[in-house]
Amino acid sequence: MKKVADEEIQLLVDSLHLNEKDILDKFTLTLDGEALSEEEAVRFIQFLRSELSIPVDDETGSKLRCYH
């Protein structure tokens, strides 16, 4: 089971360059078995991007970078 979780986490990390809507369409983010609200999920995505310094593709295709 750990391997599946690792694969799912890697898929999420590999998708962090997408906009939030696309990520939320692909994934259901949960904590202790409860789905995060859209606001919580977006904040978590932004946190991950910040921590990992992931560039983001917006609608125009320009690269944005999140810093903390």
PDB file of N, CA and C in Angstrom:
ATOM      1  N   MET A   1       0.821  -1.196   0.000  1.00  0.00           N
ATOM      2  CA  MET A   1       0.000   0.000   0.000  1.00  0.00           C
ATOM      3  C   MET A   1       0.865   1.261   0.000  1.00  0.00           C
ATOM      4  N   LYS A   2       1.985   1.238   0.677  1.00  0.00           N
ATOM      5  CA  LYS A   2       2.877   2.398   0.700  1.00  0.00           C
ATOM      6  C   LYS A   2       3.289   2.791  -0.713  1.00  0.00           C
ATOM      7  N   LYS A   3       3.543   1.804  -1.571  1.00  0.00           N
ATOM      8  CA  LYS A   3       3.958   2.096  -2.931  1.00  0.00           C
ATOM      9  C   LYS A   3       2.860   2.860  -3.671  1.00  0.00           C
ATOM     10  N   VAL A   4       1.611   2.472  -3.511  1.00  0.00           N
ATOM     11  CA  VAL A   4       0.505   3.173  -4.169  1.00  0.00           C
ATOM     12  C   VAL A   4       0.451   4.615  -3.691  1.00  0.00           C
ATOM     13  N   ALA A   5       0.547   4.825  -2.391  1.00  0.00           N
ATOM     14  CA  ALA A   5       0.528   6.191  -1.856  1.00  0.00           C
ATOM     15  C   ALA A   5       1.684   6.997  -2.427  1.00  0.00           C
ATOM     16  N   ASP A   6       2.857   6.399  -2.496  1.00  0.00           N
ATOM     17  CA  ASP A   6       4.012   7.095  -3.056  1.00  0.00           C
ATOM     18  C   ASP A   6       3.768   7.477  -4.516  1.00  0.00           C
ATOM     19  N   GLU A   7       3.152   6.589  -5.283  1.00  0.00           N
ATOM     20  CA  GLU A   7       2.854   6.878  -6.685  1.00  0.00           C
ATOM     21  C   GLU A   7       1.840   8.013  -6.794  1.00  0.00           C
ATOM     22  N   GLU A   8       0.812   7.995  -5.934  1.00  0.00           N
ATOM     23  CA  GLU A   8      -0.194   9.056  -5.956  1.00  0.00           C
ATOM     24  C   GLU A   8       0.423  10.404  -5.572  1.00  0.00           C
ATOM     25  N   ILE A   9       1.293  10.389  -4.582  1.00  0.00           N
ATOM     26  CA  ILE A   9       1.969  11.628  -4.177  1.00  0.00           C
ATOM     27  C   ILE A   9       2.840  12.138  -5.306  1.00  0.00           C
ATOM     28  N   GLN A  10       3.557  11.249  -5.964  1.00  0.00           N
ATOM     29  CA  GLN A  10       4.408  11.659  -7.084  1.00  0.00           C
ATOM     30  C   GLN A  10       3.564  12.247  -8.211  1.00  0.00           C
ATOM     31  N   LEU A  11       2.394  11.653  -8.489  1.00  0.00           N
ATOM     32  CA  LEU A  11       1.499  12.199  -9.508  1.00  0.00           C
ATOM     33  C   LEU A  11       1.057  13.616  -9.145  1.00  0.00           C
ATOM     34  N   LEU A  12       0.749  13.837  -7.857  1.00  0.00           N
ATOM     35  CA  LEU A  12       0.361  15.169  -7.408  1.00  0.00           C
ATOM     36  C   LEU A  12       1.525  16.148  -7.588  1.00  0.00           C
ATOM     37  N   VAL A  13       2.690  15.782  -7.143  1.00  0.00           N
ATOM     38  CA  VAL A  13       3.862  16.653  -7.270  1.00  0.00           C
ATOM     39  C   VAL A  13       4.137  16.950  -8.743  1.00  0.00           C
ATOM     40  N   ASP A  14       4.006  15.952  -9.598  1.00  0.00           N
ATOM     41  CA  ASP A  14       4.233  16.152 -11.030  1.00  0.00           C
ATOM     42  C   ASP A  14       3.173  17.041 -11.667  1.00  0.00           C
ATOM     43  N   SER A  15       2.033  17.222 -11.000  1.00  0.00           N
ATOM     44  CA  SER A  15       0.934  18.040 -11.526  1.00  0.00           C
ATOM     45  C   SER A  15       0.918  19.455 -10.961  1.00  0.00           C
ATOM     46  N   LEU A  16       1.834  19.780 -10.067  1.00  0.00           N
ATOM     47  CA  LEU A  16       1.793  21.088  -9.404  1.00  0.00           C
ATOM     48  C   LEU A  16       2.028  22.269 -10.348  1.00  0.00           C
ATOM     49  N   HIS A  17       2.522  22.017 -11.546  1.00  0.00           N
ATOM     50  CA  HIS A  17       2.686  23.104 -12.512  1.00  0.00           C
ATOM     51  C   HIS A  17       1.350  23.519 -13.131  1.00  0.00           C
ATOM     52  N   LEU A  18       0.327  22.685 -12.986  1.00  0.00           N
ATOM     53  CA  LEU A  18      -1.008  22.990 -13.516  1.00  0.00           C
ATOM     54  C   LEU A  18      -1.686  24.043 -12.651  1.00  0.00           C
ATOM     55  N   ASN A  19      -2.737  24.683 -13.196  1.00  0.00           N
ATOM     56  CA  ASN A  19      -3.476  25.621 -12.358  1.00  0.00           C
ATOM     57  C   ASN A  19      -4.313  24.842 -11.336  1.00  0.00           C
ATOM     58  N   GLU A  20      -4.752  25.529 -10.296  1.00  0.00           N
ATOM     59  CA  GLU A  20      -5.459  24.870  -9.200  1.00  0.00           C
ATOM     60  C   GLU A  20      -6.690  24.101  -9.669  1.00  0.00           C
ATOM     61  N   LYS A  21      -7.466  24.680 -10.588  1.00  0.00           N
ATOM     62  CA  LYS A  21      -8.678  24.014 -11.065  1.00  0.00           C
ATOM     63  C   LYS A  21      -8.349  22.666 -11.690  1.00  0.00           C
ATOM     64  N   ASP A  22      -7.319  22.635 -12.516  1.00  0.00           N
ATOM     65  CA  ASP A  22      -6.936  21.374 -13.158  1.00  0.00           C
ATOM     66  C   ASP A  22      -6.470  20.344 -12.137  1.00  0.00           C
ATOM     67  N   ILE A  23      -5.744  20.781 -11.135  1.00  0.00           N
ATOM     68  CA  ILE A  23      -5.297  19.860 -10.085  1.00  0.00           C
ATOM     69  C   ILE A  23      -6.498  19.321  -9.319  1.00  0.00           C
ATOM     70  N   LEU A  24      -7.428  20.216  -8.952  1.00  0.00           N
ATOM     71  CA  LEU A  24      -8.607  19.785  -8.200  1.00  0.00           C
ATOM     72  C   LEU A  24      -9.516  18.883  -9.029  1.00  0.00           C
ATOM     73  N   ASP A  25      -9.483  19.021 -10.354  1.00  0.00           N
ATOM     74  CA  ASP A  25     -10.243  18.116 -11.219  1.00  0.00           C
ATOM     75  C   ASP A  25      -9.618  16.726 -11.245  1.00  0.00           C
ATOM     76  N   LYS A  26      -8.294  16.647 -11.057  1.00  0.00           N
ATOM     77  CA  LYS A  26      -7.573  15.368 -11.107  1.00  0.00           C
ATOM     78  C   LYS A  26      -7.522  14.650  -9.762  1.00  0.00           C
ATOM     79  N   PHE A  27      -7.521  15.404  -8.657  1.00  0.00           N
ATOM     80  CA  PHE A  27      -7.265  14.838  -7.340  1.00  0.00           C
ATOM     81  C   PHE A  27      -8.328  15.253  -6.329  1.00  0.00           C
ATOM     82  N   THR A  28      -8.586  14.377  -5.390  1.00  0.00           N
ATOM     83  CA  THR A  28      -9.363  14.707  -4.199  1.00  0.00           C
ATOM     84  C   THR A  28      -8.392  14.673  -3.037  1.00  0.00           C
ATOM     85  N   LEU A  29      -8.136  15.825  -2.443  1.00  0.00           N
ATOM     86  CA  LEU A  29      -7.184  15.907  -1.331  1.00  0.00           C
ATOM     87  C   LEU A  29      -7.935  15.684  -0.033  1.00  0.00           C
ATOM     88  N   THR A  30      -7.411  14.783   0.797  1.00  0.00           N
ATOM     89  CA  THR A  30      -8.075  14.440   2.051  1.00  0.00           C
ATOM     90  C   THR A  30      -7.099  14.544   3.220  1.00  0.00           C
ATOM     91  N   LEU A  31      -7.675  14.709   4.396  1.00  0.00           N
ATOM     92  CA  LEU A  31      -6.924  14.703   5.645  1.00  0.00           C
ATOM     93  C   LEU A  31      -7.707  13.849   6.618  1.00  0.00           C
ATOM     94  N   ASP A  32      -7.086  12.810   7.129  1.00  0.00           N
ATOM     95  CA  ASP A  32      -7.747  11.876   8.041  1.00  0.00           C
ATOM     96  C   ASP A  32      -9.049  11.345   7.464  1.00  0.00           C
ATOM     97  N   GLY A  33      -9.052  11.081   6.142  1.00  0.00           N
ATOM     98  CA  GLY A  33     -10.212  10.496   5.485  1.00  0.00           C
ATOM     99  C   GLY A  33     -11.299  11.488   5.095  1.00  0.00           C
ATOM    100  N   GLU A  34     -11.148  12.744   5.450  1.00  0.00           N
ATOM    101  CA  GLU A  34     -12.128  13.783   5.124  1.00  0.00           C
ATOM    102  C   GLU A  34     -11.595  14.641   3.976  1.00  0.00           C
ATOM    103  N   ALA A  35     -12.433  14.861   2.964  1.00  0.00           N
ATOM    104  CA  ALA A  35     -12.031  15.687   1.835  1.00  0.00           C
ATOM    105  C   ALA A  35     -11.825  17.129   2.292  1.00  0.00           C
ATOM    106  N   LEU A  36     -10.760  17.752   1.804  1.00  0.00           N
ATOM    107  CA  LEU A  36     -10.522  19.167   2.079  1.00  0.00           C
ATOM    108  C   LEU A  36     -11.532  20.002   1.302  1.00  0.00           C
ATOM    109  N   SER A  37     -11.897  21.136   1.860  1.00  0.00           N
ATOM    110  CA  SER A  37     -12.729  22.073   1.108  1.00  0.00           C
ATOM    111  C   SER A  37     -11.888  22.606  -0.052  1.00  0.00           C
ATOM    112  N   GLU A  38     -12.534  23.246  -1.015  1.00  0.00           N
ATOM    113  CA  GLU A  38     -11.795  23.797  -2.148  1.00  0.00           C
ATOM    114  C   GLU A  38     -10.771  24.818  -1.660  1.00  0.00           C
ATOM    115  N   GLU A  39     -11.166  25.664  -0.718  1.00  0.00           N
ATOM    116  CA  GLU A  39     -10.243  26.674  -0.178  1.00  0.00           C
ATOM    117  C   GLU A  39      -9.049  26.012   0.509  1.00  0.00           C
ATOM    118  N   GLU A  40      -9.302  24.994   1.315  1.00  0.00           N
ATOM    119  CA  GLU A  40      -8.212  24.289   1.998  1.00  0.00           C
ATOM    120  C   GLU A  40      -7.292  23.604   0.992  1.00  0.00           C
ATOM    121  N   ALA A  41      -7.881  22.988  -0.030  1.00  0.00           N
ATOM    122  CA  ALA A  41      -7.087  22.286  -1.038  1.00  0.00           C
ATOM    123  C   ALA A  41      -6.201  23.263  -1.802  1.00  0.00           C
ATOM    124  N   VAL A  42      -6.747  24.420  -2.164  1.00  0.00           N
ATOM    125  CA  VAL A  42      -5.956  25.428  -2.884  1.00  0.00           C
ATOM    126  C   VAL A  42      -4.810  25.919  -2.007  1.00  0.00           C
ATOM    127  N   ARG A  43      -5.079  26.161  -0.732  1.00  0.00           N
ATOM    128  CA  ARG A  43      -4.005  26.603   0.173  1.00  0.00           C
ATOM    129  C   ARG A  43      -2.927  25.526   0.292  1.00  0.00           C
ATOM    130  N   PHE A  44      -3.325  24.260   0.350  1.00  0.00           N
ATOM    131  CA  PHE A  44      -2.362  23.172   0.431  1.00  0.00           C
ATOM    132  C   PHE A  44      -1.522  23.101  -0.845  1.00  0.00           C
ATOM    133  N   ILE A  45      -2.155  23.246  -1.999  1.00  0.00           N
ATOM    134  CA  ILE A  45      -1.430  23.247  -3.272  1.00  0.00           C
ATOM    135  C   ILE A  45      -0.422  24.397  -3.292  1.00  0.00           C
ATOM    136  N   GLN A  46      -0.856  25.568  -2.861  1.00  0.00           N
ATOM    137  CA  GLN A  46       0.046  26.726  -2.820  1.00  0.00           C
ATOM    138  C   GLN A  46       1.200  26.494  -1.852  1.00  0.00           C
ATOM    139  N   PHE A  47       0.925  25.860  -0.732  1.00  0.00           N
ATOM    140  CA  PHE A  47       1.976  25.527   0.233  1.00  0.00           C
ATOM    141  C   PHE A  47       3.001  24.592  -0.410  1.00  0.00           C
ATOM    142  N   LEU A  48       2.515  23.535  -1.080  1.00  0.00           N
ATOM    143  CA  LEU A  48       3.435  22.598  -1.723  1.00  0.00           C
ATOM    144  C   LEU A  48       4.300  23.297  -2.761  1.00  0.00           C
ATOM    145  N   ARG A  49       3.679  24.132  -3.572  1.00  0.00           N
ATOM    146  CA  ARG A  49       4.442  24.870  -4.587  1.00  0.00           C
ATOM    147  C   ARG A  49       5.510  25.742  -3.935  1.00  0.00           C
ATOM    148  N   SER A  50       5.130  26.407  -2.877  1.00  0.00           N
ATOM    149  CA  SER A  50       6.064  27.283  -2.187  1.00  0.00           C
ATOM    150  C   SER A  50       7.241  26.491  -1.634  1.00  0.00           C
ATOM    151  N   GLU A  51       6.946  25.397  -0.975  1.00  0.00           N
ATOM    152  CA  GLU A  51       7.999  24.577  -0.368  1.00  0.00           C
ATOM    153  C   GLU A  51       8.914  23.949  -1.414  1.00  0.00           C
ATOM    154  N   LEU A  52       8.329  23.578  -2.552  1.00  0.00           N
ATOM    155  CA  LEU A  52       9.099  22.889  -3.590  1.00  0.00           C
ATOM    156  C   LEU A  52       9.566  23.821  -4.696  1.00  0.00           C
ATOM    157  N   SER A  53       9.206  25.112  -4.617  1.00  0.00           N
ATOM    158  CA  SER A  53       9.543  26.104  -5.649  1.00  0.00           C
ATOM    159  C   SER A  53       9.155  25.604  -7.040  1.00  0.00           C
ATOM    160  N   ILE A  54       7.872  25.245  -7.176  1.00  0.00           N
ATOM    161  CA  ILE A  54       7.344  24.705  -8.424  1.00  0.00           C
ATOM    162  C   ILE A  54       6.812  25.855  -9.285  1.00  0.00           C
ATOM    163  N   PRO A  55       7.259  25.966 -10.547  1.00  0.00           N
ATOM    164  CA  PRO A  55       6.675  26.969 -11.442  1.00  0.00           C
ATOM    165  C   PRO A  55       5.252  26.569 -11.814  1.00  0.00           C
ATOM    166  N   VAL A  56       4.397  27.568 -12.069  1.00  0.00           N
ATOM    167  CA  VAL A  56       2.983  27.331 -12.349  1.00  0.00           C
ATOM    168  C   VAL A  56       2.656  27.843 -13.733  1.00  0.00           C
ATOM    169  N   ASP A  57       1.937  27.046 -14.527  1.00  0.00           N
ATOM    170  CA  ASP A  57       1.443  27.492 -15.825  1.00  0.00           C
ATOM    171  C   ASP A  57       0.089  28.137 -15.604  1.00  0.00           C
ATOM    172  N   ASP A  58      -0.029  29.414 -15.953  1.00  0.00           N
ATOM    173  CA  ASP A  58      -1.349  30.032 -15.889  1.00  0.00           C
ATOM    174  C   ASP A  58      -2.000  29.921 -17.264  1.00  0.00           C
ATOM    175  N   GLU A  59      -3.187  30.510 -17.439  1.00  0.00           N
ATOM    176  CA  GLU A  59      -3.912  30.412 -18.700  1.00  0.00           C
ATOM    177  C   GLU A  59      -3.118  30.945 -19.883  1.00  0.00           C
ATOM    178  N   THR A  60      -2.250  31.920 -19.656  1.00  0.00           N
ATOM    179  CA  THR A  60      -1.499  32.525 -20.748  1.00  0.00           C
ATOM    180  C   THR A  60      -0.239  31.739 -21.091  1.00  0.00           C
ATOM    181  N   GLY A  61       0.072  30.733 -20.281  1.00  0.00           N
ATOM    182  CA  GLY A  61       1.258  29.941 -20.527  1.00  0.00           C
ATOM    183  C   GLY A  61       2.513  30.527 -19.927  1.00  0.00           C
ATOM    184  N   SER A  62       2.391  31.697 -19.264  1.00  0.00           N
ATOM    185  CA  SER A  62       3.576  32.269 -18.633  1.00  0.00           C
ATOM    186  C   SER A  62       3.892  31.520 -17.354  1.00  0.00           C
ATOM    187  N   LYS A  63       5.135  31.564 -16.959  1.00  0.00           N
ATOM    188  CA  LYS A  63       5.573  30.846 -15.768  1.00  0.00           C
ATOM    189  C   LYS A  63       5.515  31.760 -14.559  1.00  0.00           C
ATOM    190  N   LEU A  64       4.844  31.318 -13.520  1.00  0.00           N
ATOM    191  CA  LEU A  64       4.807  32.018 -12.252  1.00  0.00           C
ATOM    192  C   LEU A  64       5.592  31.213 -11.258  1.00  0.00           C
ATOM    193  N   ARG A  65       6.168  31.863 -10.279  1.00  0.00           N
ATOM    194  CA  ARG A  65       6.904  31.144  -9.254  1.00  0.00           C
ATOM    195  C   ARG A  65       6.402  31.605  -7.905  1.00  0.00           C
ATOM    196  N   CYS A  66       6.218  30.637  -7.016  1.00  0.00           N
ATOM    197  CA  CYS A  66       5.757  30.948  -5.665  1.00  0.00           C
ATOM    198  C   CYS A  66       6.954  30.907  -4.729  1.00  0.00           C
ATOM    199  N   TYR A  67       7.083  31.899  -3.905  1.00  0.00           N
ATOM    200  CA  TYR A  67       8.161  31.941  -2.929  1.00  0.00           C
ATOM    201  C   TYR A  67       7.555  32.083  -1.547  1.00  0.00           C
ATOM    202  N   HIS A  68       8.279  31.614  -0.545  1.00  0.00           N
ATOM    203  CA  HIS A  68       7.817  31.802   0.842  1.00  0.00           C
ATOM    204  C   HIS A  68       8.792  32.642   1.602  1.00  0.00           C
TER     205      HIS A  68
END
